[in-house]
Amino acid sequence: MPRPPARRGRTGRPPVTSRAQILAAARELIDRDGWEKLTVRRLAAELGIGATTLYHHIRDKEDLLLLLLSQHVAQAERPQLPSAPRDRIVAAATAMHDALAAWPWAAEVLTSDGFVGLLDPSALWMVEAIVAGAEDCGRTPEEAVHVFRSIWYYTVGEVLVRARSPRRREDGERPPFGETFDPARVPHLAAIGDRWPALAARDTYPEGLRALVEGLLARTQAVPAAPRDAD
């Protein structure tokens, strides 16, 4: 009796057996096509499995993204933090910046204040270091959270602006930058003229971060607490 033909599965990728394989495939898809195009169905097709099977490992797209972010941050290089609180804050914030700059889409996903409570504990050491450093400098817990949020906004903004900045075009493809400045209306910008792109491209994050931290820690008045409902 002839044997029935063997069932042919998808070639080129082994069967999915772990969450690690799913996260690796998702990261590959994001690096190739962008995180906006990531869907559970598309990832399942990429892996050669059904979406129902994928849901045994993840709840939804948001859960998948958070797992990826936690994994990425947890795998980022963790520097030896200085003992001085101010330097510790700067070092942790710099590590946070470098981790986001290596994968800018992560900064786009983490644009809500509640993201800290969603991350895996292993990915929270940067937040912990900044808050603890602020408290060690004499700030209250409320002020320490304000310090972190201010640093976070500055860091995410810097990462996203650089990630979205268009690549420089070849000379001659567009008019000189300075031609957009009208000396009668913006004389100082007109004086800077075509030097603006080069000046704006400078990496000023480290010095800006240090100045921000010093300014935040120099505050003597506590951040007003949120009003409480009357009993």
C-alpha atoms as a PDB file:
ATOM      1  CA  MET A   1       0.000   0.000   0.000  1.00  0.00           C
ATOM      2  CA  PRO A   2       1.551   3.297  -1.001  1.00  0.00           C
ATOM      3  CA  ARG A   3       2.409   5.695   1.828  1.00  0.00           C
ATOM      4  CA  PRO A   4       0.439   8.950   1.919  1.00  0.00           C
ATOM      5  CA  PRO A   5       2.425  12.003   0.944  1.00  0.00           C
ATOM      6  CA  ALA A   6       4.087  13.744   3.871  1.00  0.00           C
ATOM      7  CA  ARG A   7       2.573  17.030   4.967  1.00  0.00           C
ATOM      8  CA  ARG A   8       4.684  19.955   3.899  1.00  0.00           C
ATOM      9  CA  GLY A   9       5.142  22.746   6.403  1.00  0.00           C
ATOM     10  CA  ARG A  10       6.751  26.109   5.934  1.00  0.00           C
ATOM     11  CA  THR A  11      10.438  25.792   5.200  1.00  0.00           C
ATOM     12  CA  GLY A  12      13.199  28.099   6.297  1.00  0.00           C
ATOM     13  CA  ARG A  13      12.054  28.558   9.920  1.00  0.00           C
ATOM     14  CA  PRO A  14      11.737  25.955  12.695  1.00  0.00           C
ATOM     15  CA  PRO A  15       8.396  25.465  14.473  1.00  0.00           C
ATOM     16  CA  VAL A  16       7.667  27.989  17.212  1.00  0.00           C
ATOM     17  CA  THR A  17       8.220  26.461  20.626  1.00  0.00           C
ATOM     18  CA  SER A  18       9.032  29.408  22.864  1.00  0.00           C
ATOM     19  CA  ARG A  19       8.259  33.038  23.571  1.00  0.00           C
ATOM     20  CA  ALA A  20      11.902  33.853  22.814  1.00  0.00           C
ATOM     21  CA  GLN A  21      11.430  32.709  19.213  1.00  0.00           C
ATOM     22  CA  ILE A  22       8.299  34.842  18.907  1.00  0.00           C
ATOM     23  CA  LEU A  23      10.064  37.934  20.225  1.00  0.00           C
ATOM     24  CA  ALA A  24      13.017  37.376  17.905  1.00  0.00           C
ATOM     25  CA  ALA A  25      10.700  37.148  14.891  1.00  0.00           C
ATOM     26  CA  ALA A  26       8.760  40.236  16.002  1.00  0.00           C
ATOM     27  CA  ARG A  27      11.945  42.246  16.389  1.00  0.00           C
ATOM     28  CA  GLU A  28      13.109  41.153  12.949  1.00  0.00           C
ATOM     29  CA  LEU A  29       9.784  42.250  11.475  1.00  0.00           C
ATOM     30  CA  ILE A  30       9.930  45.628  13.223  1.00  0.00           C
ATOM     31  CA  ASP A  31      13.515  46.275  12.149  1.00  0.00           C
ATOM     32  CA  ARG A  32      12.524  45.514   8.578  1.00  0.00           C
ATOM     33  CA  ASP A  33       9.110  47.147   8.223  1.00  0.00           C
ATOM     34  CA  GLY A  34       8.570  49.387  11.266  1.00  0.00           C
ATOM     35  CA  TRP A  35       6.590  48.815  14.456  1.00  0.00           C
ATOM     36  CA  GLU A  36       3.423  50.400  13.062  1.00  0.00           C
ATOM     37  CA  LYS A  37       3.025  47.490  10.634  1.00  0.00           C
ATOM     38  CA  LEU A  38       3.396  44.850  13.314  1.00  0.00           C
ATOM     39  CA  THR A  39       0.185  42.909  13.912  1.00  0.00           C
ATOM     40  CA  VAL A  40      -0.460  39.575  15.553  1.00  0.00           C
ATOM     41  CA  ARG A  41      -1.765  38.145  12.286  1.00  0.00           C
ATOM     42  CA  ARG A  42       1.228  39.357  10.314  1.00  0.00           C
ATOM     43  CA  LEU A  43       3.633  37.968  12.900  1.00  0.00           C
ATOM     44  CA  ALA A  44       1.810  34.634  12.844  1.00  0.00           C
ATOM     45  CA  ALA A  45       2.110  34.518   9.054  1.00  0.00           C
ATOM     46  CA  GLU A  46       5.801  35.371   9.340  1.00  0.00           C
ATOM     47  CA  LEU A  47       6.251  32.444  11.715  1.00  0.00           C
ATOM     48  CA  GLY A  48       4.121  30.094   9.661  1.00  0.00           C
ATOM     49  CA  ILE A  49       1.596  29.442  12.410  1.00  0.00           C
ATOM     50  CA  GLY A  50      -2.002  30.405  13.120  1.00  0.00           C
ATOM     51  CA  ALA A  51      -2.859  33.543  15.053  1.00  0.00           C
ATOM     52  CA  THR A  52      -4.687  31.381  17.610  1.00  0.00           C
ATOM     53  CA  THR A  53      -1.442  29.576  18.387  1.00  0.00           C
ATOM     54  CA  LEU A  54       0.322  32.904  18.877  1.00  0.00           C
ATOM     55  CA  TYR A  55      -2.303  34.013  21.378  1.00  0.00           C
ATOM     56  CA  HIS A  56      -1.208  31.182  23.650  1.00  0.00           C
ATOM     57  CA  HIS A  57       2.021  33.154  24.191  1.00  0.00           C
ATOM     58  CA  ILE A  58       0.872  36.803  24.045  1.00  0.00           C
ATOM     59  CA  ARG A  59      -2.385  38.623  24.814  1.00  0.00           C
ATOM     60  CA  ASP A  60      -2.342  41.246  22.069  1.00  0.00           C
ATOM     61  CA  LYS A  61      -0.105  43.663  20.165  1.00  0.00           C
ATOM     62  CA  GLU A  62       0.384  45.921  23.197  1.00  0.00           C
ATOM     63  CA  ASP A  63       1.489  42.963  25.276  1.00  0.00           C
ATOM     64  CA  LEU A  64       3.910  41.951  22.526  1.00  0.00           C
ATOM     65  CA  LEU A  65       5.418  45.432  22.313  1.00  0.00           C
ATOM     66  CA  LEU A  66       5.876  45.648  26.066  1.00  0.00           C
ATOM     67  CA  LEU A  67       7.576  42.256  26.109  1.00  0.00           C
ATOM     68  CA  LEU A  68       9.913  43.434  23.361  1.00  0.00           C
ATOM     69  CA  LEU A  69      10.678  46.670  25.184  1.00  0.00           C
ATOM     70  CA  SER A  70      11.353  44.929  28.469  1.00  0.00           C
ATOM     71  CA  GLN A  71      13.650  42.471  26.726  1.00  0.00           C
ATOM     72  CA  HIS A  72      15.486  45.259  24.888  1.00  0.00           C
ATOM     73  CA  VAL A  73      16.052  47.361  28.004  1.00  0.00           C
ATOM     74  CA  ALA A  74      17.008  44.333  30.103  1.00  0.00           C
ATOM     75  CA  GLN A  75      19.640  43.355  27.524  1.00  0.00           C
ATOM     76  CA  ALA A  76      21.087  46.872  27.295  1.00  0.00           C
ATOM     77  CA  GLU A  77      24.524  47.365  28.779  1.00  0.00           C
ATOM     78  CA  ARG A  78      24.271  48.270  32.435  1.00  0.00           C
ATOM     79  CA  PRO A  79      27.098  50.597  33.460  1.00  0.00           C
ATOM     80  CA  GLN A  80      28.694  50.748  36.877  1.00  0.00           C
ATOM     81  CA  LEU A  81      26.796  53.590  38.506  1.00  0.00           C
ATOM     82  CA  PRO A  82      28.789  56.264  40.351  1.00  0.00           C
ATOM     83  CA  SER A  83      28.329  56.714  44.079  1.00  0.00           C
ATOM     84  CA  ALA A  84      27.567  60.450  43.859  1.00  0.00           C
ATOM     85  CA  PRO A  85      23.772  60.851  43.443  1.00  0.00           C
ATOM     86  CA  ARG A  86      23.951  63.520  40.714  1.00  0.00           C
ATOM     87  CA  ASP A  87      26.421  61.500  38.682  1.00  0.00           C
ATOM     88  CA  ARG A  88      24.302  58.395  39.226  1.00  0.00           C
ATOM     89  CA  ILE A  89      21.264  60.143  37.785  1.00  0.00           C
ATOM     90  CA  VAL A  90      23.231  61.318  34.749  1.00  0.00           C
ATOM     91  CA  ALA A  91      24.714  57.851  34.155  1.00  0.00           C
ATOM     92  CA  ALA A  92      21.315  56.122  34.369  1.00  0.00           C
ATOM     93  CA  ALA A  93      19.680  58.706  32.103  1.00  0.00           C
ATOM     94  CA  THR A  94      22.514  58.365  29.582  1.00  0.00           C
ATOM     95  CA  ALA A  95      22.070  54.583  29.550  1.00  0.00           C
ATOM     96  CA  MET A  96      18.336  55.092  29.013  1.00  0.00           C
ATOM     97  CA  HIS A  97      19.058  57.483  26.133  1.00  0.00           C
ATOM     98  CA  ASP A  98      21.508  55.085  24.490  1.00  0.00           C
ATOM     99  CA  ALA A  99      19.072  52.158  24.769  1.00  0.00           C
ATOM    100  CA  LEU A 100      16.303  54.184  23.099  1.00  0.00           C
ATOM    101  CA  ALA A 101      18.619  55.629  20.451  1.00  0.00           C
ATOM    102  CA  ALA A 102      19.608  52.095  19.447  1.00  0.00           C
ATOM    103  CA  TRP A 103      15.920  51.274  18.846  1.00  0.00           C
ATOM    104  CA  PRO A 104      14.057  54.613  18.386  1.00  0.00           C
ATOM    105  CA  TRP A 105      10.621  53.043  17.837  1.00  0.00           C
ATOM    106  CA  ALA A 106      10.673  52.109  21.515  1.00  0.00           C
ATOM    107  CA  ALA A 107      10.540  55.804  22.418  1.00  0.00           C
ATOM    108  CA  GLU A 108       7.450  56.211  20.243  1.00  0.00           C
ATOM    109  CA  VAL A 109       5.651  53.385  22.026  1.00  0.00           C
ATOM    110  CA  LEU A 110       6.549  54.660  25.493  1.00  0.00           C
ATOM    111  CA  THR A 111       4.870  58.045  25.200  1.00  0.00           C
ATOM    112  CA  SER A 112       2.481  57.772  28.142  1.00  0.00           C
ATOM    113  CA  ASP A 113       3.256  58.473  31.776  1.00  0.00           C
ATOM    114  CA  GLY A 114       1.875  55.112  32.866  1.00  0.00           C
ATOM    115  CA  PHE A 115       4.409  52.997  30.990  1.00  0.00           C
ATOM    116  CA  VAL A 116       6.595  52.470  34.075  1.00  0.00           C
ATOM    117  CA  GLY A 117       3.952  50.268  35.671  1.00  0.00           C
ATOM    118  CA  LEU A 118       3.776  48.075  32.570  1.00  0.00           C
ATOM    119  CA  LEU A 119       7.442  47.196  32.160  1.00  0.00           C
ATOM    120  CA  ASP A 120       9.070  44.068  33.513  1.00  0.00           C
ATOM    121  CA  PRO A 121      10.945  44.700  36.805  1.00  0.00           C
ATOM    122  CA  SER A 122      14.248  43.767  35.153  1.00  0.00           C
ATOM    123  CA  ALA A 123      13.861  46.767  32.843  1.00  0.00           C
ATOM    124  CA  LEU A 124      13.204  49.301  35.603  1.00  0.00           C
ATOM    125  CA  TRP A 125      16.697  49.741  36.997  1.00  0.00           C
ATOM    126  CA  MET A 126      17.210  53.023  35.097  1.00  0.00           C
ATOM    127  CA  VAL A 127      14.024  54.529  36.528  1.00  0.00           C
ATOM    128  CA  GLU A 128      14.937  53.247  39.988  1.00  0.00           C
ATOM    129  CA  ALA A 129      18.434  54.758  39.782  1.00  0.00           C
ATOM    130  CA  ILE A 130      17.116  58.190  38.783  1.00  0.00           C
ATOM    131  CA  VAL A 131      14.398  58.301  41.448  1.00  0.00           C
ATOM    132  CA  ALA A 132      16.753  56.997  44.154  1.00  0.00           C
ATOM    133  CA  GLY A 133      19.441  59.481  43.121  1.00  0.00           C
ATOM    134  CA  ALA A 134      16.995  62.369  43.396  1.00  0.00           C
ATOM    135  CA  GLU A 135      15.876  61.236  46.854  1.00  0.00           C
ATOM    136  CA  ASP A 136      19.512  60.870  47.930  1.00  0.00           C
ATOM    137  CA  CYS A 137      19.930  64.528  46.941  1.00  0.00           C
ATOM    138  CA  GLY A 138      17.228  65.469  49.422  1.00  0.00           C
ATOM    139  CA  ARG A 139      14.222  65.510  47.126  1.00  0.00           C
ATOM    140  CA  THR A 140      10.899  64.120  48.304  1.00  0.00           C
ATOM    141  CA  PRO A 141       9.415  61.093  46.525  1.00  0.00           C
ATOM    142  CA  GLU A 142       7.029  63.456  44.715  1.00  0.00           C
ATOM    143  CA  GLU A 143       9.904  65.639  43.577  1.00  0.00           C
ATOM    144  CA  ALA A 144      11.948  62.574  42.589  1.00  0.00           C
ATOM    145  CA  VAL A 145       9.157  61.454  40.261  1.00  0.00           C
ATOM    146  CA  HIS A 146       9.085  64.962  38.785  1.00  0.00           C
ATOM    147  CA  VAL A 147      12.841  64.750  38.215  1.00  0.00           C
ATOM    148  CA  PHE A 148      12.446  61.475  36.353  1.00  0.00           C
ATOM    149  CA  ARG A 149       9.533  62.706  34.233  1.00  0.00           C
ATOM    150  CA  SER A 150      11.421  65.835  33.233  1.00  0.00           C
ATOM    151  CA  ILE A 151      14.475  63.806  32.236  1.00  0.00           C
ATOM    152  CA  TRP A 152      12.235  61.331  30.405  1.00  0.00           C
ATOM    153  CA  TYR A 153      10.551  64.041  28.334  1.00  0.00           C
ATOM    154  CA  TYR A 154      13.906  65.584  27.435  1.00  0.00           C
ATOM    155  CA  THR A 155      15.401  62.208  26.508  1.00  0.00           C
ATOM    156  CA  VAL A 156      12.470  60.944  24.434  1.00  0.00           C
ATOM    157  CA  GLY A 157      12.208  64.260  22.608  1.00  0.00           C
ATOM    158  CA  GLU A 158      15.879  64.211  21.697  1.00  0.00           C
ATOM    159  CA  VAL A 159      15.740  60.602  20.501  1.00  0.00           C
ATOM    160  CA  LEU A 160      12.609  61.095  18.385  1.00  0.00           C
ATOM    161  CA  VAL A 161      13.772  64.333  16.772  1.00  0.00           C
ATOM    162  CA  ARG A 162      17.055  62.747  15.716  1.00  0.00           C
ATOM    163  CA  ALA A 163      15.370  59.565  14.515  1.00  0.00           C
ATOM    164  CA  ARG A 164      12.868  61.456  12.395  1.00  0.00           C
ATOM    165  CA  SER A 165      15.228  64.051  10.991  1.00  0.00           C
ATOM    166  CA  PRO A 166      15.548  63.546   7.242  1.00  0.00           C
ATOM    167  CA  ARG A 167      18.875  62.536   5.866  1.00  0.00           C
ATOM    168  CA  ARG A 168      20.910  65.333   4.453  1.00  0.00           C
ATOM    169  CA  ARG A 169      20.441  65.735   0.762  1.00  0.00           C
ATOM    170  CA  GLU A 170      23.286  66.118  -1.645  1.00  0.00           C
ATOM    171  CA  ASP A 171      24.501  69.666  -2.227  1.00  0.00           C
ATOM    172  CA  GLY A 172      22.486  71.435  -4.867  1.00  0.00           C
ATOM    173  CA  GLU A 173      19.241  69.512  -4.355  1.00  0.00           C
ATOM    174  CA  ARG A 174      17.637  72.240  -2.270  1.00  0.00           C
ATOM    175  CA  PRO A 175      18.186  75.967  -1.734  1.00  0.00           C
ATOM    176  CA  PRO A 176      20.589  77.112   0.999  1.00  0.00           C
ATOM    177  CA  PHE A 177      19.032  76.807   4.435  1.00  0.00           C
ATOM    178  CA  GLY A 178      19.623  80.465   5.261  1.00  0.00           C
ATOM    179  CA  GLU A 179      17.341  81.641   2.471  1.00  0.00           C
ATOM    180  CA  THR A 180      14.332  80.796   4.649  1.00  0.00           C
ATOM    181  CA  PHE A 181      15.290  83.492   7.175  1.00  0.00           C
ATOM    182  CA  ASP A 182      14.011  87.018   6.541  1.00  0.00           C
ATOM    183  CA  PRO A 183      16.492  89.496   8.132  1.00  0.00           C
ATOM    184  CA  ALA A 184      13.702  92.027   8.658  1.00  0.00           C
ATOM    185  CA  ARG A 185      11.711  89.607  10.800  1.00  0.00           C
ATOM    186  CA  VAL A 186      14.267  87.225  12.319  1.00  0.00           C
ATOM    187  CA  PRO A 187      17.604  89.049  12.220  1.00  0.00           C
ATOM    188  CA  HIS A 188      19.399  86.699  14.616  1.00  0.00           C
ATOM    189  CA  LEU A 189      18.400  83.607  12.648  1.00  0.00           C
ATOM    190  CA  ALA A 190      19.359  85.341   9.426  1.00  0.00           C
ATOM    191  CA  ALA A 191      22.797  86.047  10.879  1.00  0.00           C
ATOM    192  CA  ILE A 192      23.239  82.357  11.613  1.00  0.00           C
ATOM    193  CA  GLY A 193      22.011  81.551   8.123  1.00  0.00           C
ATOM    194  CA  ASP A 194      23.146  78.352   6.488  1.00  0.00           C
ATOM    195  CA  ARG A 195      25.197  77.356   9.546  1.00  0.00           C
ATOM    196  CA  TRP A 196      21.974  76.304  11.285  1.00  0.00           C
ATOM    197  CA  PRO A 197      21.922  72.636  10.076  1.00  0.00           C
ATOM    198  CA  ALA A 198      25.474  72.011  11.258  1.00  0.00           C
ATOM    199  CA  LEU A 199      24.852  73.694  14.601  1.00  0.00           C
ATOM    200  CA  ALA A 200      21.574  71.835  15.099  1.00  0.00           C
ATOM    201  CA  ALA A 201      23.255  68.504  14.304  1.00  0.00           C
ATOM    202  CA  ARG A 202      25.653  68.791  17.240  1.00  0.00           C
ATOM    203  CA  ASP A 203      25.194  66.224  19.990  1.00  0.00           C
ATOM    204  CA  THR A 204      24.271  68.429  22.932  1.00  0.00           C
ATOM    205  CA  TYR A 205      22.392  65.785  24.918  1.00  0.00           C
ATOM    206  CA  PRO A 206      25.120  65.203  27.562  1.00  0.00           C
ATOM    207  CA  GLU A 207      25.580  68.867  28.471  1.00  0.00           C
ATOM    208  CA  GLY A 208      21.843  69.519  28.289  1.00  0.00           C
ATOM    209  CA  LEU A 209      21.165  66.547  30.552  1.00  0.00           C
ATOM    210  CA  ARG A 210      23.701  67.731  33.114  1.00  0.00           C
ATOM    211  CA  ALA A 211      22.225  71.239  33.121  1.00  0.00           C
ATOM    212  CA  LEU A 212      18.691  69.840  33.448  1.00  0.00           C
ATOM    213  CA  VAL A 213      19.628  67.596  36.365  1.00  0.00           C
ATOM    214  CA  GLU A 214      21.420  70.406  38.181  1.00  0.00           C
ATOM    215  CA  GLY A 215      18.459  72.724  37.682  1.00  0.00           C
ATOM    216  CA  LEU A 216      15.912  70.157  38.857  1.00  0.00           C
ATOM    217  CA  LEU A 217      17.875  69.243  41.965  1.00  0.00           C
ATOM    218  CA  ALA A 218      18.436  72.899  42.828  1.00  0.00           C
ATOM    219  CA  ARG A 219      14.725  73.440  43.356  1.00  0.00           C
ATOM    220  CA  THR A 220      13.842  74.073  46.988  1.00  0.00           C
ATOM    221  CA  GLN A 221      10.060  74.035  46.740  1.00  0.00           C
ATOM    222  CA  ALA A 222       8.275  70.716  46.526  1.00  0.00           C
ATOM    223  CA  VAL A 223       6.076  69.950  43.549  1.00  0.00           C
ATOM    224  CA  PRO A 224       2.448  70.638  44.638  1.00  0.00           C
ATOM    225  CA  ALA A 225       0.606  67.434  45.411  1.00  0.00           C
ATOM    226  CA  ALA A 226      -2.517  66.563  43.466  1.00  0.00           C
ATOM    227  CA  PRO A 227      -5.670  67.782  45.228  1.00  0.00           C
ATOM    228  CA  ARG A 228      -7.511  65.141  47.245  1.00  0.00           C
ATOM    229  CA  ASP A 229     -11.217  64.648  47.154  1.00  0.00           C
ATOM    230  CA  ALA A 230     -13.060  65.811  50.236  1.00  0.00           C
ATOM    231  CA  ASP A 231     -14.106  63.086  52.642  1.00  0.00           C
END
